């Protein structure tokens, strides 16, 4: 992908695996902030990724995903899956 989002996501997961919490959240922040109208499929997939371990229960995890959802908005999901509306 042109913005390197999947690479940043991998960096975040690797950082989470070795306990580099701040680096992991910074990489995840970069990924989620780079998409202004990102496909909800990836947002849901990444949010459910259990390889992040204990970081998924961190308050910052929830905040990052909530902010991404707020930026995407409720209408985008409907238009993405039902483009004829």
Foldseek 3Di string as FASTA:
>chain_A
DVVCLVVLQVQLLVCLQVVVNVSNLVSLLVNLVVDLQDDVVVLVVSLPDCSSPPCNVPPSVVVSSVVSDVSNDDVSNVCVVVVVD
